[in-house]
Amino acid sequence: MALTGLAAVVLVATSIVLQPFGTPLDWVVRGAAMLGYLAVFLTAITSAYMRELFQLLGRPFIKVHHVYSVAGLVLITLHPLAAALRSSSLLVFLPDFSSFYQFFSLGGRPAWYLIGAASLAALYRAAVGQRWRLIHYLNYVAFFLATVHAILIGTDFVSLAMKGVPVLMALAVVWVLVRKRIQRRKVQRRSRAAQ
């Protein structure tokens, strides 16, 4: 996990160094966005490899999952906070419904609320009951909104090659989501057959 985090920081720092426009506050906005996006991506991807992560790291999957999810939540909160400080406006927290393009280009705004709701559902899953999992799926919707946000207005995703990165990440998340559903159905069939 430490190596993954270090590699992510090096990649993001390299991206910022190669395009050092703006002020240090702009670098915080960009860095927090990219690192938060990567952390949310890793949170989704690791959920498909629970057994393998336990065997590799010798600790429960949920601990690894929580490290990535908390890091992602902190970073994706730092991104709009820095953007609000830069623009001297809290409007960066409000979704924009003026047009489809505006809604999706600023999709990070509703994504932030969805991830917050999904995180709260997981935190209070005992109180929410089995519905927590359904609410937790909002993370996937949020990831896709953030992907579109990155592609449309992300300053580090301007080139066609860089736009391909979040597309490939989104496809990987779709694959994980499908794989998890297939695994869950197999487990349900086995439990029914055992009864």
Protein backbone atom coordinates (compact mmCIF):
# COMPACT_ATOMS: atom_id res chain seq x y z
CA MET A 1 0.00 0.00 0.00
CA ALA A 2 2.84 2.35 0.82
CA LEU A 3 4.45 1.64 -2.55
CA THR A 4 1.15 2.23 -4.36
CA GLY A 5 0.71 5.53 -2.55
CA LEU A 6 4.29 6.57 -3.26
CA ALA A 7 3.97 5.65 -6.94
CA ALA A 8 0.75 7.68 -7.18
CA VAL A 9 2.38 10.72 -5.57
CA VAL A 10 5.38 10.44 -7.92
CA LEU A 11 3.10 10.17 -10.99
CA VAL A 12 1.00 13.16 -9.94
CA ALA A 13 4.05 15.24 -8.99
CA THR A 14 5.64 14.39 -12.36
CA SER A 15 2.48 15.49 -14.15
CA ILE A 16 2.48 18.80 -12.28
CA VAL A 17 6.22 19.35 -12.82
CA LEU A 18 5.84 18.71 -16.56
CA GLN A 19 3.04 21.31 -16.71
CA PRO A 20 3.95 23.76 -13.92
CA PHE A 21 1.36 26.42 -14.80
CA GLY A 22 -0.49 28.32 -12.11
CA THR A 23 0.28 28.97 -8.48
CA PRO A 24 1.07 26.50 -5.68
CA LEU A 25 -2.65 26.62 -4.82
CA ASP A 26 -3.42 25.48 -8.39
CA TRP A 27 -1.00 22.61 -7.86
CA VAL A 28 -2.90 21.61 -4.71
CA VAL A 29 -6.19 21.70 -6.66
CA ARG A 30 -4.72 19.52 -9.41
CA GLY A 31 -2.76 17.19 -7.13
CA ALA A 32 -5.66 16.57 -4.74
CA ALA A 33 -7.98 15.89 -7.68
CA MET A 34 -5.66 13.36 -9.31
CA LEU A 35 -4.64 11.62 -6.07
CA GLY A 36 -8.24 11.52 -4.83
CA TYR A 37 -9.41 10.11 -8.15
CA LEU A 38 -6.70 7.43 -7.98
CA ALA A 39 -7.63 6.56 -4.39
CA VAL A 40 -11.32 6.17 -5.30
CA PHE A 41 -10.26 4.03 -8.28
CA LEU A 42 -8.10 1.80 -6.05
CA THR A 43 -10.94 1.53 -3.53
CA ALA A 44 -13.21 0.19 -6.28
CA ILE A 45 -10.59 -2.12 -7.76
CA THR A 46 -9.50 -3.64 -4.44
CA SER A 47 -13.09 -4.63 -3.68
CA ALA A 48 -12.82 -7.33 -6.35
CA TYR A 49 -9.75 -8.93 -4.76
CA MET A 50 -10.69 -9.47 -1.12
CA ARG A 51 -9.14 -12.93 -0.74
CA GLU A 52 -6.03 -12.08 -2.73
CA LEU A 53 -5.38 -8.93 -0.67
CA PHE A 54 -5.76 -10.88 2.57
CA GLN A 55 -3.29 -13.50 1.34
CA LEU A 56 -0.84 -10.88 0.09
CA LEU A 57 -0.99 -8.44 3.01
CA GLY A 58 -2.03 -10.73 5.84
CA ARG A 59 -4.70 -8.32 7.00
CA PRO A 60 -8.45 -8.16 6.40
CA PHE A 61 -9.59 -6.63 3.13
CA ILE A 62 -11.74 -4.07 4.91
CA LYS A 63 -8.67 -2.43 6.51
CA VAL A 64 -7.01 -1.99 3.10
CA HIS A 65 -10.30 -0.79 1.63
CA HIS A 66 -10.72 1.77 4.41
CA VAL A 67 -7.20 3.16 3.97
CA TYR A 68 -7.86 3.87 0.29
CA SER A 69 -11.40 5.12 0.85
CA VAL A 70 -10.47 7.50 3.68
CA ALA A 71 -7.49 8.82 1.68
CA GLY A 72 -9.77 9.32 -1.32
CA LEU A 73 -12.42 11.10 0.73
CA VAL A 74 -9.86 13.46 2.29
CA LEU A 75 -8.25 14.24 -1.08
CA ILE A 76 -11.51 14.76 -2.98
CA THR A 77 -12.56 17.12 -0.20
CA LEU A 78 -9.25 18.99 -0.35
CA HIS A 79 -9.76 19.49 -4.12
CA PRO A 80 -12.92 21.66 -3.88
CA LEU A 81 -11.70 23.33 -0.68
CA ALA A 82 -8.58 24.50 -2.51
CA ALA A 83 -10.70 25.47 -5.53
CA ALA A 84 -13.03 27.47 -3.24
CA LEU A 85 -10.04 29.21 -1.68
CA ARG A 86 -8.64 29.98 -5.13
CA SER A 87 -11.94 31.39 -6.42
CA SER A 88 -13.01 32.94 -3.09
CA SER A 89 -16.40 31.26 -3.55
CA LEU A 90 -18.20 28.30 -2.02
CA LEU A 91 -20.15 27.85 -5.27
CA VAL A 92 -17.66 25.12 -6.21
CA PHE A 93 -19.64 22.85 -3.87
CA LEU A 94 -22.96 23.38 -5.66
CA PRO A 95 -23.95 21.15 -8.59
CA ASP A 96 -24.75 23.11 -11.75
CA PHE A 97 -28.02 22.10 -13.43
CA SER A 98 -28.04 24.88 -16.04
CA SER A 99 -27.31 22.42 -18.88
CA PHE A 100 -26.27 18.80 -19.42
CA TYR A 101 -22.78 19.94 -20.36
CA GLN A 102 -22.41 22.08 -17.24
CA PHE A 103 -23.74 19.31 -15.01
CA PHE A 104 -21.32 16.73 -16.39
CA SER A 105 -18.31 19.02 -16.81
CA LEU A 106 -18.74 19.97 -13.15
CA GLY A 107 -19.67 16.38 -12.27
CA GLY A 108 -17.14 16.34 -9.46
CA ARG A 109 -19.58 18.43 -7.44
CA PRO A 110 -22.42 15.90 -7.26
CA ALA A 111 -19.83 13.10 -7.13
CA TRP A 112 -18.51 14.54 -3.87
CA TYR A 113 -21.98 14.37 -2.29
CA LEU A 114 -22.58 10.84 -3.58
CA ILE A 115 -19.29 9.58 -2.17
CA GLY A 116 -20.12 11.28 1.13
CA ALA A 117 -23.53 9.57 1.26
CA ALA A 118 -22.03 6.20 0.31
CA SER A 119 -19.33 6.59 2.98
CA LEU A 120 -21.90 7.46 5.65
CA ALA A 121 -23.99 4.44 4.64
CA ALA A 122 -20.96 2.19 5.11
CA LEU A 123 -20.07 3.84 8.42
CA TYR A 124 -23.60 3.41 9.77
CA ARG A 125 -24.40 0.15 8.02
CA ALA A 126 -25.69 -1.45 11.22
CA ALA A 127 -28.33 1.28 11.52
CA VAL A 128 -29.13 1.33 7.79
CA GLY A 129 -29.40 -2.45 7.49
CA GLN A 130 -29.00 -4.30 4.21
CA ARG A 131 -29.83 -1.14 2.25
CA TRP A 132 -26.35 0.20 3.04
CA ARG A 133 -24.91 -1.83 0.17
CA LEU A 134 -27.34 -0.32 -2.32
CA ILE A 135 -26.44 3.18 -1.09
CA HIS A 136 -22.75 2.24 -1.20
CA TYR A 137 -23.12 1.60 -4.95
CA LEU A 138 -23.41 5.39 -5.31
CA ASN A 139 -19.59 5.31 -5.28
CA TYR A 140 -19.70 3.88 -8.80
CA VAL A 141 -22.02 6.62 -10.03
CA ALA A 142 -19.72 9.17 -8.39
CA PHE A 143 -16.66 7.64 -10.04
CA PHE A 144 -18.25 7.95 -13.47
CA LEU A 145 -19.29 11.55 -12.82
CA ALA A 146 -15.72 12.32 -11.73
CA THR A 147 -14.40 10.57 -14.84
CA VAL A 148 -16.50 12.75 -17.13
CA HIS A 149 -15.48 15.81 -15.09
CA ALA A 150 -11.79 14.92 -15.56
CA ILE A 151 -12.18 14.31 -19.29
CA LEU A 152 -14.16 17.48 -19.99
CA ILE A 153 -12.32 20.07 -17.88
CA GLY A 154 -9.40 18.36 -16.13
CA THR A 155 -6.33 20.49 -16.82
CA ASP A 156 -4.10 17.41 -16.69
CA PHE A 157 -6.30 15.47 -19.13
CA VAL A 158 -6.05 17.74 -22.15
CA SER A 159 -4.25 15.46 -24.62
CA LEU A 160 -6.03 12.54 -26.25
CA ALA A 161 -3.61 10.10 -24.60
CA MET A 162 -4.34 11.55 -21.15
CA LYS A 163 -8.11 11.45 -21.81
CA GLY A 164 -7.65 7.73 -22.45
CA VAL A 165 -6.37 7.15 -18.91
CA PRO A 166 -9.66 7.89 -17.10
CA VAL A 167 -11.57 6.03 -19.82
CA LEU A 168 -9.44 2.91 -19.19
CA MET A 169 -9.86 3.36 -15.44
CA ALA A 170 -13.64 3.63 -15.83
CA LEU A 171 -13.68 0.46 -17.96
CA ALA A 172 -11.68 -1.34 -15.25
CA VAL A 173 -14.22 -0.22 -12.63
CA VAL A 174 -17.10 -1.49 -14.82
CA TRP A 175 -15.28 -4.82 -15.13
CA VAL A 176 -14.89 -4.99 -11.32
CA LEU A 177 -18.56 -4.16 -10.81
CA VAL A 178 -19.64 -6.89 -13.23
CA ARG A 179 -17.18 -9.38 -11.72
CA LYS A 180 -18.49 -8.68 -8.20
CA ARG A 181 -22.09 -9.19 -9.31
CA ILE A 182 -21.18 -12.51 -10.95
CA GLN A 183 -19.31 -13.63 -7.82
CA ARG A 184 -22.23 -12.67 -5.58
CA ARG A 185 -24.69 -14.62 -7.76
CA LYS A 186 -22.44 -17.71 -7.63
CA VAL A 187 -22.31 -17.51 -3.83
CA GLN A 188 -26.11 -17.13 -3.66
CA ARG A 189 -26.60 -20.16 -5.94
CA ARG A 190 -24.23 -22.25 -3.81
CA SER A 191 -26.02 -21.28 -0.61
CA ARG A 192 -29.40 -22.14 -2.16
CA ALA A 193 -28.05 -25.48 -3.39
CA ALA A 194 -26.66 -26.25 0.09
CA GLN A 195 -30.07 -25.62 1.67
